[in-house]
Amino acid sequence: MSFIIEKEELLPLLNSSDIRICDCRFQLGSPDAGYNEYKKDHISGAVYFDLEKDLSGQVQEHGGRHPLPDLETLKVKLESNGITNDTVLIAYDGGEGSFASRFVWLLSYLGHQKVFVLNGGFRAWRDAGYPIDSNLTKYVPTEYHIDLNESVFASFQTVKDYTMNRPDDIVLMDSRESKRYEGIEEPIDKKAGHIPGAVNKVWTNVLENGYFKKKEDLQSNFTGIGKDKEIIVYCGSGVTASPNYIALKEAGFIDVKIYIGSFSDWISYEDNPIE
């Protein structure tokens, strides 16, 4: 199953009651900017999900800078926006790909079967002249049932075990830019470097002008990694790992997980080694 939907595919579905469009625009360092953009204009009928208020939990000693949200709170948010387990969810961001992809991964973790990222994001939709407005649509509340899909989730302990044993059937993938992976610079986290044994596949390489690349290009991006491997993807805080998760699935990899705490969680344990 593909996680990507094109704007031309979404357009004729816009008024369907089975569809819910989810605006995930956000700016790191300016937490109100995404919601302000949403209030100004958005795809018609869209509801807003905030990276830090809805798609992440409270930062604590461990868990990283964008830990998992409280799932019961997220369940209430879904229900208040008229979302059921059968609703087709379409997530978009400004065109960065990372925030909408976080939504897609998170809903996949909840067990949702039909969730997609809008290729090109809001920018592509707006530039095509497709319907946008500033209406804050209200939906009839529903019931939502969580059925966790643990196959897409990698725990801290799983990653810890990998670093100690280095099994051949697992690939640990760092999605950050090369200078952060190599420890040359670290603008955000307190330590520089990467989790031992990780390979570097920069998340921006799966996108071009806000669009996910074609399947054959994504497959080329991951050349050398066997599709029979278990892939554990991480980044700095579990956000920009998400486009790599989607790209790997689009490229035909089956067993793909995200270490949601990522590097910021890893370094919160003083004794953990870094390369």
C-alpha atoms as a PDB file:
ATOM      1  CA  MET A   1       0.000   0.000   0.000  1.00  0.00           C
ATOM      2  CA  SER A   2       1.228   3.466  -0.860  1.00  0.00           C
ATOM      3  CA  PHE A   3       1.261   6.201   1.779  1.00  0.00           C
ATOM      4  CA  ILE A   4       1.280   8.967  -0.837  1.00  0.00           C
ATOM      5  CA  ILE A   5      -1.656  10.651  -2.555  1.00  0.00           C
ATOM      6  CA  GLU A   6      -1.367  13.211  -5.350  1.00  0.00           C
ATOM      7  CA  LYS A   7      -3.345  16.456  -5.320  1.00  0.00           C
ATOM      8  CA  GLU A   8      -5.134  15.414  -8.515  1.00  0.00           C
ATOM      9  CA  GLU A   9      -6.369  12.285  -6.736  1.00  0.00           C
ATOM     10  CA  LEU A  10      -7.568  14.217  -3.690  1.00  0.00           C
ATOM     11  CA  LEU A  11      -9.459  16.936  -5.565  1.00  0.00           C
ATOM     12  CA  PRO A  12     -12.514  14.846  -6.610  1.00  0.00           C
ATOM     13  CA  LEU A  13     -12.712  13.388  -3.077  1.00  0.00           C
ATOM     14  CA  LEU A  14     -12.726  16.751  -1.335  1.00  0.00           C
ATOM     15  CA  ASN A  15     -16.383  16.714  -0.276  1.00  0.00           C
ATOM     16  CA  SER A  16     -16.553  13.051   0.642  1.00  0.00           C
ATOM     17  CA  SER A  17     -17.779  12.340   4.182  1.00  0.00           C
ATOM     18  CA  ASP A  18     -15.305   9.442   4.371  1.00  0.00           C
ATOM     19  CA  ILE A  19     -12.323  11.787   4.036  1.00  0.00           C
ATOM     20  CA  ARG A  20     -10.706  13.943   6.683  1.00  0.00           C
ATOM     21  CA  ILE A  21      -7.917  16.297   5.659  1.00  0.00           C
ATOM     22  CA  CYS A  22      -5.399  17.060   8.389  1.00  0.00           C
ATOM     23  CA  ASP A  23      -3.314  20.225   8.294  1.00  0.00           C
ATOM     24  CA  CYS A  24       0.035  19.575  10.012  1.00  0.00           C
ATOM     25  CA  ARG A  25       1.895  22.760   9.147  1.00  0.00           C
ATOM     26  CA  PHE A  26       4.458  23.725  11.756  1.00  0.00           C
ATOM     27  CA  GLN A  27       7.644  25.739  12.194  1.00  0.00           C
ATOM     28  CA  LEU A  28      10.274  24.508  14.607  1.00  0.00           C
ATOM     29  CA  GLY A  29      11.234  27.415  16.840  1.00  0.00           C
ATOM     30  CA  SER A  30       7.985  29.250  16.106  1.00  0.00           C
ATOM     31  CA  PRO A  31       5.314  26.946  17.542  1.00  0.00           C
ATOM     32  CA  ASP A  32       2.294  29.175  16.816  1.00  0.00           C
ATOM     33  CA  ALA A  33       3.149  29.796  13.177  1.00  0.00           C
ATOM     34  CA  GLY A  34       1.534  26.636  11.806  1.00  0.00           C
ATOM     35  CA  TYR A  35      -1.814  27.204  13.471  1.00  0.00           C
ATOM     36  CA  ASN A  36      -1.788  30.858  12.434  1.00  0.00           C
ATOM     37  CA  GLU A  37      -1.221  29.764   8.840  1.00  0.00           C
ATOM     38  CA  TYR A  38      -4.083  27.292   9.161  1.00  0.00           C
ATOM     39  CA  LYS A  39      -6.450  30.011  10.431  1.00  0.00           C
ATOM     40  CA  LYS A  40      -5.460  32.249   7.528  1.00  0.00           C
ATOM     41  CA  ASP A  41      -6.186  29.634   4.867  1.00  0.00           C
ATOM     42  CA  HIS A  42      -6.133  25.877   4.422  1.00  0.00           C
ATOM     43  CA  ILE A  43      -7.483  23.132   2.204  1.00  0.00           C
ATOM     44  CA  SER A  44     -11.264  23.261   2.409  1.00  0.00           C
ATOM     45  CA  GLY A  45     -12.599  21.177   5.274  1.00  0.00           C
ATOM     46  CA  ALA A  46      -9.204  20.577   6.873  1.00  0.00           C
ATOM     47  CA  VAL A  47      -8.703  20.232  10.624  1.00  0.00           C
ATOM     48  CA  TYR A  48      -5.477  21.145  12.408  1.00  0.00           C
ATOM     49  CA  PHE A  49      -3.020  18.872  14.222  1.00  0.00           C
ATOM     50  CA  ASP A  50      -0.168  20.549  16.075  1.00  0.00           C
ATOM     51  CA  LEU A  51       3.229  18.808  16.116  1.00  0.00           C
ATOM     52  CA  GLU A  52       3.960  19.680  19.730  1.00  0.00           C
ATOM     53  CA  LYS A  53       0.431  19.759  21.211  1.00  0.00           C
ATOM     54  CA  ASP A  54      -1.164  16.824  19.381  1.00  0.00           C
ATOM     55  CA  LEU A  55       1.539  14.705  17.732  1.00  0.00           C
ATOM     56  CA  SER A  56       4.067  14.830  20.600  1.00  0.00           C
ATOM     57  CA  GLY A  57       3.973  14.495  24.365  1.00  0.00           C
ATOM     58  CA  GLN A  58       5.525  16.463  27.200  1.00  0.00           C
ATOM     59  CA  VAL A  59       9.326  16.567  27.138  1.00  0.00           C
ATOM     60  CA  GLN A  60      10.806  14.748  30.119  1.00  0.00           C
ATOM     61  CA  GLU A  61      14.222  13.463  31.178  1.00  0.00           C
ATOM     62  CA  HIS A  62      14.041  10.660  28.630  1.00  0.00           C
ATOM     63  CA  GLY A  63      12.000  10.192  25.477  1.00  0.00           C
ATOM     64  CA  GLY A  64      13.551  12.851  23.274  1.00  0.00           C
ATOM     65  CA  ARG A  65      12.503  16.305  22.153  1.00  0.00           C
ATOM     66  CA  HIS A  66       9.297  15.088  20.466  1.00  0.00           C
ATOM     67  CA  PRO A  67       8.211  12.008  22.437  1.00  0.00           C
ATOM     68  CA  LEU A  68       5.075  10.029  21.763  1.00  0.00           C
ATOM     69  CA  PRO A  69       1.902  11.897  22.735  1.00  0.00           C
ATOM     70  CA  ASP A  70      -0.476  10.592  25.348  1.00  0.00           C
ATOM     71  CA  LEU A  71      -2.474   8.237  23.150  1.00  0.00           C
ATOM     72  CA  GLU A  72      -5.759   8.709  24.990  1.00  0.00           C
ATOM     73  CA  THR A  73      -5.472  12.474  24.506  1.00  0.00           C
ATOM     74  CA  LEU A  74      -4.784  11.950  20.807  1.00  0.00           C
ATOM     75  CA  LYS A  75      -7.786   9.603  20.635  1.00  0.00           C
ATOM     76  CA  VAL A  76     -10.017  12.372  21.994  1.00  0.00           C
ATOM     77  CA  LYS A  77      -8.590  14.789  19.414  1.00  0.00           C
ATOM     78  CA  LEU A  78      -9.389  12.363  16.609  1.00  0.00           C
ATOM     79  CA  GLU A  79     -12.899  11.784  17.917  1.00  0.00           C
ATOM     80  CA  SER A  80     -13.599  15.493  18.292  1.00  0.00           C
ATOM     81  CA  ASN A  81     -12.779  15.931  14.603  1.00  0.00           C
ATOM     82  CA  GLY A  82     -15.242  13.277  13.511  1.00  0.00           C
ATOM     83  CA  ILE A  83     -12.568  10.689  12.720  1.00  0.00           C
ATOM     84  CA  THR A  84     -13.348   6.975  12.970  1.00  0.00           C
ATOM     85  CA  ASN A  85     -11.164   3.955  12.253  1.00  0.00           C
ATOM     86  CA  ASP A  86     -12.647   3.841   8.750  1.00  0.00           C
ATOM     87  CA  THR A  87     -11.989   7.497   7.870  1.00  0.00           C
ATOM     88  CA  VAL A  88      -9.501   8.070   5.073  1.00  0.00           C
ATOM     89  CA  LEU A  89      -6.948  10.507   6.478  1.00  0.00           C
ATOM     90  CA  ILE A  90      -4.959  12.860   4.244  1.00  0.00           C
ATOM     91  CA  ALA A  91      -2.174  14.792   5.983  1.00  0.00           C
ATOM     92  CA  TYR A  92      -0.310  17.761   4.578  1.00  0.00           C
ATOM     93  CA  ASP A  93       2.218  20.324   5.725  1.00  0.00           C
ATOM     94  CA  GLY A  94       3.780  23.320   4.022  1.00  0.00           C
ATOM     95  CA  GLY A  95       5.646  21.097   1.586  1.00  0.00           C
ATOM     96  CA  GLU A  96       8.504  20.092   3.881  1.00  0.00           C
ATOM     97  CA  GLY A  97       7.143  16.558   4.090  1.00  0.00           C
ATOM     98  CA  SER A  98       8.335  15.897   7.638  1.00  0.00           C
ATOM     99  CA  PHE A  99       5.366  17.075   9.712  1.00  0.00           C
ATOM    100  CA  ALA A 100       2.728  15.353   7.595  1.00  0.00           C
ATOM    101  CA  SER A 101       4.880  12.226   7.547  1.00  0.00           C
ATOM    102  CA  ARG A 102       5.024  12.279  11.360  1.00  0.00           C
ATOM    103  CA  PHE A 103       1.213  12.243  11.360  1.00  0.00           C
ATOM    104  CA  VAL A 104       1.132   9.333   8.907  1.00  0.00           C
ATOM    105  CA  TRP A 105       3.594   7.267  10.953  1.00  0.00           C
ATOM    106  CA  LEU A 106       1.807   8.051  14.221  1.00  0.00           C
ATOM    107  CA  LEU A 107      -1.612   7.064  12.884  1.00  0.00           C
ATOM    108  CA  SER A 108      -0.062   3.907  11.436  1.00  0.00           C
ATOM    109  CA  TYR A 109       1.208   3.166  14.933  1.00  0.00           C
ATOM    110  CA  LEU A 110      -2.343   3.598  16.248  1.00  0.00           C
ATOM    111  CA  GLY A 111      -3.386   0.929  13.762  1.00  0.00           C
ATOM    112  CA  HIS A 112      -5.130   3.214  11.258  1.00  0.00           C
ATOM    113  CA  GLN A 113      -5.384   1.506   7.888  1.00  0.00           C
ATOM    114  CA  LYS A 114      -5.983   4.394   5.479  1.00  0.00           C
ATOM    115  CA  VAL A 115      -3.659   7.328   6.063  1.00  0.00           C
ATOM    116  CA  PHE A 116      -1.748   9.268   3.418  1.00  0.00           C
ATOM    117  CA  VAL A 117       0.542  12.232   2.961  1.00  0.00           C
ATOM    118  CA  LEU A 118      -0.430  14.775   0.306  1.00  0.00           C
ATOM    119  CA  ASN A 119       2.477  14.917  -2.097  1.00  0.00           C
ATOM    120  CA  GLY A 120       3.739  18.486  -2.467  1.00  0.00           C
ATOM    121  CA  GLY A 121       1.821  19.687   0.578  1.00  0.00           C
ATOM    122  CA  PHE A 122      -0.192  22.877   0.881  1.00  0.00           C
ATOM    123  CA  ARG A 123       2.090  24.810  -1.447  1.00  0.00           C
ATOM    124  CA  ALA A 124       1.418  22.471  -4.368  1.00  0.00           C
ATOM    125  CA  TRP A 125      -2.330  22.480  -3.673  1.00  0.00           C
ATOM    126  CA  ARG A 126      -2.500  26.283  -3.481  1.00  0.00           C
ATOM    127  CA  ASP A 127      -0.315  26.791  -6.533  1.00  0.00           C
ATOM    128  CA  ALA A 128      -2.640  24.516  -8.517  1.00  0.00           C
ATOM    129  CA  GLY A 129      -5.527  26.847  -7.699  1.00  0.00           C
ATOM    130  CA  TYR A 130      -7.420  24.147  -5.794  1.00  0.00           C
ATOM    131  CA  PRO A 131     -10.025  25.055  -3.119  1.00  0.00           C
ATOM    132  CA  ILE A 132      -8.771  26.752   0.030  1.00  0.00           C
ATOM    133  CA  ASP A 133     -10.622  28.792   2.621  1.00  0.00           C
ATOM    134  CA  SER A 134     -10.415  30.044   6.199  1.00  0.00           C
ATOM    135  CA  ASN A 135     -13.494  28.255   7.564  1.00  0.00           C
ATOM    136  CA  LEU A 136     -12.945  26.373  10.827  1.00  0.00           C
ATOM    137  CA  THR A 137     -15.101  23.360  10.086  1.00  0.00           C
ATOM    138  CA  LYS A 138     -16.723  21.521  12.992  1.00  0.00           C
ATOM    139  CA  TYR A 139     -17.528  17.819  12.740  1.00  0.00           C
ATOM    140  CA  VAL A 140     -19.865  15.556  14.672  1.00  0.00           C
ATOM    141  CA  PRO A 141     -17.835  13.708  17.356  1.00  0.00           C
ATOM    142  CA  THR A 142     -17.279  10.000  16.816  1.00  0.00           C
ATOM    143  CA  GLU A 143     -15.687   7.012  18.520  1.00  0.00           C
ATOM    144  CA  TYR A 144     -12.145   5.911  17.737  1.00  0.00           C
ATOM    145  CA  HIS A 145     -10.517   2.664  18.843  1.00  0.00           C
ATOM    146  CA  ILE A 146      -6.743   2.322  19.167  1.00  0.00           C
ATOM    147  CA  ASP A 147      -5.224  -0.974  18.021  1.00  0.00           C
ATOM    148  CA  LEU A 148      -1.483  -0.431  18.348  1.00  0.00           C
ATOM    149  CA  ASN A 149       0.679  -1.615  15.470  1.00  0.00           C
ATOM    150  CA  GLU A 150       3.899  -2.387  17.326  1.00  0.00           C
ATOM    151  CA  SER A 151       5.598  -3.482  14.099  1.00  0.00           C
ATOM    152  CA  VAL A 152       6.351   0.156  13.195  1.00  0.00           C
ATOM    153  CA  PHE A 153       7.763   1.106  16.620  1.00  0.00           C
ATOM    154  CA  ALA A 154      11.337   0.573  17.855  1.00  0.00           C
ATOM    155  CA  SER A 155      11.925   1.030  21.567  1.00  0.00           C
ATOM    156  CA  PHE A 156      15.014   2.430  23.241  1.00  0.00           C
ATOM    157  CA  GLN A 157      15.860  -1.071  24.447  1.00  0.00           C
ATOM    158  CA  THR A 158      15.658  -2.456  20.907  1.00  0.00           C
ATOM    159  CA  VAL A 159      18.176   0.139  19.735  1.00  0.00           C
ATOM    160  CA  LYS A 160      20.366  -0.455  22.795  1.00  0.00           C
ATOM    161  CA  ASP A 161      20.423  -4.186  22.071  1.00  0.00           C
ATOM    162  CA  TYR A 162      21.363  -3.476  18.458  1.00  0.00           C
ATOM    163  CA  THR A 163      24.370  -1.378  19.467  1.00  0.00           C
ATOM    164  CA  MET A 164      25.593  -4.118  21.788  1.00  0.00           C
ATOM    165  CA  ASN A 165      25.060  -7.112  19.476  1.00  0.00           C
ATOM    166  CA  ARG A 166      25.107  -5.657  15.919  1.00  0.00           C
ATOM    167  CA  PRO A 167      22.867  -8.342  14.351  1.00  0.00           C
ATOM    168  CA  ASP A 168      23.247  -8.684  10.589  1.00  0.00           C
ATOM    169  CA  ASP A 169      19.518  -8.653   9.954  1.00  0.00           C
ATOM    170  CA  ILE A 170      18.976  -5.117  11.323  1.00  0.00           C
ATOM    171  CA  VAL A 171      19.980  -1.781   9.781  1.00  0.00           C
ATOM    172  CA  LEU A 172      19.994   1.309  11.991  1.00  0.00           C
ATOM    173  CA  MET A 173      19.457   4.400   9.815  1.00  0.00           C
ATOM    174  CA  ASP A 174      20.257   7.986  10.828  1.00  0.00           C
ATOM    175  CA  SER A 175      18.165  10.477   8.841  1.00  0.00           C
ATOM    176  CA  ARG A 176      19.945  13.681   9.844  1.00  0.00           C
ATOM    177  CA  GLU A 177      22.187  15.764   7.609  1.00  0.00           C
ATOM    178  CA  SER A 178      25.699  14.403   7.211  1.00  0.00           C
ATOM    179  CA  LYS A 179      27.464  17.016   9.337  1.00  0.00           C
ATOM    180  CA  ARG A 180      25.311  16.119  12.332  1.00  0.00           C
ATOM    181  CA  TYR A 181      25.727  12.392  11.716  1.00  0.00           C
ATOM    182  CA  GLU A 182      29.504  12.795  11.509  1.00  0.00           C
ATOM    183  CA  GLY A 183      29.616  14.955  14.625  1.00  0.00           C
ATOM    184  CA  ILE A 184      31.112  17.915  12.758  1.00  0.00           C
ATOM    185  CA  GLU A 185      28.362  20.201  14.035  1.00  0.00           C
ATOM    186  CA  GLU A 186      25.341  19.865  16.312  1.00  0.00           C
ATOM    187  CA  PRO A 187      23.043  22.898  16.396  1.00  0.00           C
ATOM    188  CA  ILE A 188      20.293  21.404  18.558  1.00  0.00           C
ATOM    189  CA  ASP A 189      21.283  18.518  20.810  1.00  0.00           C
ATOM    190  CA  LYS A 190      23.783  18.552  23.666  1.00  0.00           C
ATOM    191  CA  LYS A 191      26.120  15.976  22.133  1.00  0.00           C
ATOM    192  CA  ALA A 192      27.391  15.448  18.588  1.00  0.00           C
ATOM    193  CA  GLY A 193      27.795  12.258  16.598  1.00  0.00           C
ATOM    194  CA  HIS A 194      25.529   9.280  15.961  1.00  0.00           C
ATOM    195  CA  ILE A 195      24.302   6.073  17.538  1.00  0.00           C
ATOM    196  CA  PRO A 196      26.984   3.375  17.070  1.00  0.00           C
ATOM    197  CA  GLY A 197      26.518   1.247  13.974  1.00  0.00           C
ATOM    198  CA  ALA A 198      24.103   3.594  12.211  1.00  0.00           C
ATOM    199  CA  VAL A 199      24.294   4.327   8.497  1.00  0.00           C
ATOM    200  CA  ASN A 200      23.429   7.781   7.204  1.00  0.00           C
ATOM    201  CA  LYS A 201      20.586   8.323   4.740  1.00  0.00           C
ATOM    202  CA  VAL A 202      19.650  12.010   4.812  1.00  0.00           C
ATOM    203  CA  TRP A 203      15.890  12.477   4.822  1.00  0.00           C
ATOM    204  CA  THR A 204      15.841  15.385   2.387  1.00  0.00           C
ATOM    205  CA  ASN A 205      17.255  13.107  -0.322  1.00  0.00           C
ATOM    206  CA  VAL A 206      13.898  11.347  -0.678  1.00  0.00           C
ATOM    207  CA  LEU A 207      12.179  14.613  -1.617  1.00  0.00           C
ATOM    208  CA  GLU A 208      12.473  17.014  -4.534  1.00  0.00           C
ATOM    209  CA  ASN A 209      10.746  20.407  -4.498  1.00  0.00           C
ATOM    210  CA  GLY A 210       8.410  19.193  -1.753  1.00  0.00           C
ATOM    211  CA  TYR A 211       7.445  15.975  -3.548  1.00  0.00           C
ATOM    212  CA  PHE A 212       8.468  12.436  -2.720  1.00  0.00           C
ATOM    213  CA  LYS A 213      10.609  11.061  -5.511  1.00  0.00           C
ATOM    214  CA  LYS A 214       9.464   8.260  -7.783  1.00  0.00           C
ATOM    215  CA  LYS A 215       9.707   4.675  -6.593  1.00  0.00           C
ATOM    216  CA  GLU A 216      12.758   3.836  -8.709  1.00  0.00           C
ATOM    217  CA  ASP A 217      14.616   6.889  -7.377  1.00  0.00           C
ATOM    218  CA  LEU A 218      13.738   5.946  -3.808  1.00  0.00           C
ATOM    219  CA  GLN A 219      14.998   2.430  -4.442  1.00  0.00           C
ATOM    220  CA  SER A 220      18.260   3.868  -5.753  1.00  0.00           C
ATOM    221  CA  ASN A 221      18.567   6.034  -2.657  1.00  0.00           C
ATOM    222  CA  PHE A 222      18.611   2.903  -0.495  1.00  0.00           C
ATOM    223  CA  THR A 223      20.878   0.835  -2.744  1.00  0.00           C
ATOM    224  CA  GLY A 224      22.979  -1.601  -0.747  1.00  0.00           C
ATOM    225  CA  ILE A 225      20.355  -2.214   1.926  1.00  0.00           C
ATOM    226  CA  GLY A 226      18.590  -5.556   1.614  1.00  0.00           C
ATOM    227  CA  LYS A 227      14.808  -5.534   1.597  1.00  0.00           C
ATOM    228  CA  ASP A 228      14.904  -8.562   3.878  1.00  0.00           C
ATOM    229  CA  LYS A 229      16.422  -6.430   6.651  1.00  0.00           C
ATOM    230  CA  GLU A 230      14.641  -4.871   9.595  1.00  0.00           C
ATOM    231  CA  ILE A 231      15.164  -1.121   9.259  1.00  0.00           C
ATOM    232  CA  ILE A 232      15.139   1.106  12.338  1.00  0.00           C
ATOM    233  CA  VAL A 233      15.035   4.782  11.390  1.00  0.00           C
ATOM    234  CA  TYR A 234      15.883   7.692  13.663  1.00  0.00           C
ATOM    235  CA  CYS A 235      16.735  11.382  13.444  1.00  0.00           C
ATOM    236  CA  GLY A 236      17.151  14.061  16.098  1.00  0.00           C
ATOM    237  CA  SER A 237      13.710  13.827  17.677  1.00  0.00           C
ATOM    238  CA  GLY A 238      11.547  11.452  15.631  1.00  0.00           C
ATOM    239  CA  VAL A 239      10.147  13.961  13.136  1.00  0.00           C
ATOM    240  CA  THR A 240      12.445  13.957  10.101  1.00  0.00           C
ATOM    241  CA  ALA A 241      12.855  10.187  10.386  1.00  0.00           C
ATOM    242  CA  SER A 242       9.268   9.977   9.157  1.00  0.00           C
ATOM    243  CA  PRO A 243       9.874  10.872   5.476  1.00  0.00           C
ATOM    244  CA  ASN A 244      12.529   8.147   5.367  1.00  0.00           C
ATOM    245  CA  TYR A 245      10.011   5.725   6.875  1.00  0.00           C
ATOM    246  CA  ILE A 246       7.521   6.527   4.111  1.00  0.00           C
ATOM    247  CA  ALA A 247      10.215   6.465   1.418  1.00  0.00           C
ATOM    248  CA  LEU A 248      11.430   3.040   2.547  1.00  0.00           C
ATOM    249  CA  LYS A 249       7.902   1.669   2.438  1.00  0.00           C
ATOM    250  CA  GLU A 250       7.357   3.186  -1.010  1.00  0.00           C
ATOM    251  CA  ALA A 251      10.632   1.602  -2.155  1.00  0.00           C
ATOM    252  CA  GLY A 252       9.359  -1.831  -1.157  1.00  0.00           C
ATOM    253  CA  PHE A 253      10.900  -2.393   2.267  1.00  0.00           C
ATOM    254  CA  ILE A 254       8.588  -4.371   4.524  1.00  0.00           C
ATOM    255  CA  ASP A 255       9.927  -4.231   8.076  1.00  0.00           C
ATOM    256  CA  VAL A 256      10.477  -0.544   8.842  1.00  0.00           C
ATOM    257  CA  LYS A 257      10.307   1.031  12.292  1.00  0.00           C
ATOM    258  CA  ILE A 258      10.980   4.442  13.842  1.00  0.00           C
ATOM    259  CA  TYR A 259      12.907   4.937  17.064  1.00  0.00           C
ATOM    260  CA  ILE A 260      10.689   7.799  18.090  1.00  0.00           C
ATOM    261  CA  GLY A 261      12.952   9.210  20.825  1.00  0.00           C
ATOM    262  CA  SER A 262      15.828   9.208  18.338  1.00  0.00           C
ATOM    263  CA  PHE A 263      19.232  10.785  19.019  1.00  0.00           C
ATOM    264  CA  SER A 264      17.878  13.237  21.606  1.00  0.00           C
ATOM    265  CA  ASP A 265      16.593  10.301  23.661  1.00  0.00           C
ATOM    266  CA  TRP A 266      19.753   8.254  23.140  1.00  0.00           C
ATOM    267  CA  ILE A 267      22.029  10.963  24.536  1.00  0.00           C
ATOM    268  CA  SER A 268      19.758  11.514  27.543  1.00  0.00           C
ATOM    269  CA  TYR A 269      21.360   8.383  28.993  1.00  0.00           C
ATOM    270  CA  GLU A 270      24.850   9.460  30.059  1.00  0.00           C
ATOM    271  CA  ASP A 271      26.433   6.031  29.612  1.00  0.00           C
ATOM    272  CA  ASN A 272      25.281   5.495  26.025  1.00  0.00           C
ATOM    273  CA  PRO A 273      28.173   5.477  23.542  1.00  0.00           C
ATOM    274  CA  ILE A 274      28.350   7.799  20.534  1.00  0.00           C
ATOM    275  CA  GLU A 275      30.362   7.478  17.351  1.00  0.00           C
END
